[in-house]
Amino acid sequence: MQTNNHKIVDYDLVLDAKFGKEGTPERIQAEEAAYSFYSGQILQDARKEAVCYRCPIVAKSLLTN
């Protein structure tokens, strides 16, 4: 198991090592995939909140009918 060395690292260097320098096709593709995932998570969370806000309204309408 790898342990954390608790040192602050310039994360751009980590991304450079894994996906290449900024502007390379691999790095651009990785950034687009990360942004797509992030955007999807935001939408998923928003949908969950919207359902939670509608739950009392739906329950109330079902009880009155």
C-alpha atoms as a PDB file:
ATOM      1  CA  MET A   1       0.000   0.000   0.000  1.00  0.00           C
ATOM      2  CA  GLN A   2       1.312   3.413  -0.916  1.00  0.00           C
ATOM      3  CA  THR A   3       1.474   6.018   1.832  1.00  0.00           C
ATOM      4  CA  ASN A   4       1.082   9.765   1.503  1.00  0.00           C
ATOM      5  CA  ASN A   5       4.271  11.760   1.942  1.00  0.00           C
ATOM      6  CA  HIS A   6       2.257  14.857   2.971  1.00  0.00           C
ATOM      7  CA  LYS A   7       4.262  17.143   0.711  1.00  0.00           C
ATOM      8  CA  ILE A   8       2.602  19.819  -1.378  1.00  0.00           C
ATOM      9  CA  VAL A   9       3.046  18.993  -5.048  1.00  0.00           C
ATOM     10  CA  ASP A  10       2.480  21.141  -8.115  1.00  0.00           C
ATOM     11  CA  TYR A  11      -0.358  19.106  -9.573  1.00  0.00           C
ATOM     12  CA  ASP A  12       0.336  20.441 -13.049  1.00  0.00           C
ATOM     13  CA  LEU A  13       3.543  18.391 -12.956  1.00  0.00           C
ATOM     14  CA  VAL A  14       1.551  15.290 -12.062  1.00  0.00           C
ATOM     15  CA  LEU A  15      -0.827  15.905 -14.973  1.00  0.00           C
ATOM     16  CA  ASP A  16       2.136  16.550 -17.293  1.00  0.00           C
ATOM     17  CA  ALA A  17       3.637  13.197 -16.334  1.00  0.00           C
ATOM     18  CA  LYS A  18       0.393  11.296 -16.771  1.00  0.00           C
ATOM     19  CA  PHE A  19      -1.220  13.017 -19.794  1.00  0.00           C
ATOM     20  CA  GLY A  20       1.547  15.103 -21.365  1.00  0.00           C
ATOM     21  CA  LYS A  21       2.150  18.841 -21.492  1.00  0.00           C
ATOM     22  CA  GLU A  22      -0.703  21.319 -21.895  1.00  0.00           C
ATOM     23  CA  GLY A  23      -1.921  21.482 -25.463  1.00  0.00           C
ATOM     24  CA  THR A  24      -1.095  17.896 -26.389  1.00  0.00           C
ATOM     25  CA  PRO A  25      -3.984  15.832 -27.764  1.00  0.00           C
ATOM     26  CA  GLU A  26      -3.845  13.399 -24.827  1.00  0.00           C
ATOM     27  CA  ARG A  27      -3.999  16.208 -22.274  1.00  0.00           C
ATOM     28  CA  ILE A  28      -6.846  17.963 -24.093  1.00  0.00           C
ATOM     29  CA  GLN A  29      -8.797  14.698 -24.246  1.00  0.00           C
ATOM     30  CA  ALA A  30      -8.207  14.036 -20.531  1.00  0.00           C
ATOM     31  CA  GLU A  31      -9.307  17.566 -19.593  1.00  0.00           C
ATOM     32  CA  GLU A  32     -12.467  17.245 -21.705  1.00  0.00           C
ATOM     33  CA  ALA A  33     -13.282  13.893 -20.102  1.00  0.00           C
ATOM     34  CA  ALA A  34     -12.721  15.330 -16.620  1.00  0.00           C
ATOM     35  CA  TYR A  35     -14.925  18.343 -17.397  1.00  0.00           C
ATOM     36  CA  SER A  36     -17.657  16.094 -18.797  1.00  0.00           C
ATOM     37  CA  PHE A  37     -17.587  13.946 -15.666  1.00  0.00           C
ATOM     38  CA  TYR A  38     -17.660  17.027 -13.423  1.00  0.00           C
ATOM     39  CA  SER A  39     -20.581  18.537 -15.342  1.00  0.00           C
ATOM     40  CA  GLY A  40     -22.460  15.248 -15.166  1.00  0.00           C
ATOM     41  CA  GLN A  41     -22.014  15.095 -11.404  1.00  0.00           C
ATOM     42  CA  ILE A  42     -23.359  18.639 -11.016  1.00  0.00           C
ATOM     43  CA  LEU A  43     -26.423  17.744 -13.117  1.00  0.00           C
ATOM     44  CA  GLN A  44     -26.959  14.539 -11.184  1.00  0.00           C
ATOM     45  CA  ASP A  45     -26.836  16.400  -7.862  1.00  0.00           C
ATOM     46  CA  ALA A  46     -29.229  19.063  -9.168  1.00  0.00           C
ATOM     47  CA  ARG A  47     -31.687  16.383 -10.300  1.00  0.00           C
ATOM     48  CA  LYS A  48     -31.541  14.700  -6.896  1.00  0.00           C
ATOM     49  CA  GLU A  49     -32.278  18.016  -5.183  1.00  0.00           C
ATOM     50  CA  ALA A  50     -35.141  18.744  -7.584  1.00  0.00           C
ATOM     51  CA  VAL A  51     -36.739  15.390  -6.808  1.00  0.00           C
ATOM     52  CA  CYS A  52     -36.391  16.006  -3.082  1.00  0.00           C
ATOM     53  CA  TYR A  53     -38.082  19.381  -3.403  1.00  0.00           C
ATOM     54  CA  ARG A  54     -40.947  17.857  -5.392  1.00  0.00           C
ATOM     55  CA  CYS A  55     -41.503  14.931  -3.046  1.00  0.00           C
ATOM     56  CA  PRO A  56     -43.688  16.811  -0.522  1.00  0.00           C
ATOM     57  CA  ILE A  57     -45.682  18.411  -3.326  1.00  0.00           C
ATOM     58  CA  VAL A  58     -46.276  15.090  -5.059  1.00  0.00           C
ATOM     59  CA  ALA A  59     -47.181  13.375  -1.811  1.00  0.00           C
ATOM     60  CA  LYS A  60     -49.642  16.149  -0.935  1.00  0.00           C
ATOM     61  CA  SER A  61     -51.277  16.022  -4.369  1.00  0.00           C
ATOM     62  CA  LEU A  62     -51.630  12.251  -4.166  1.00  0.00           C
ATOM     63  CA  LEU A  63     -53.289  12.480  -0.754  1.00  0.00           C
ATOM     64  CA  THR A  64     -55.834  15.078  -1.861  1.00  0.00           C
ATOM     65  CA  ASN A  65     -56.969  13.112  -4.933  1.00  0.00           C
END
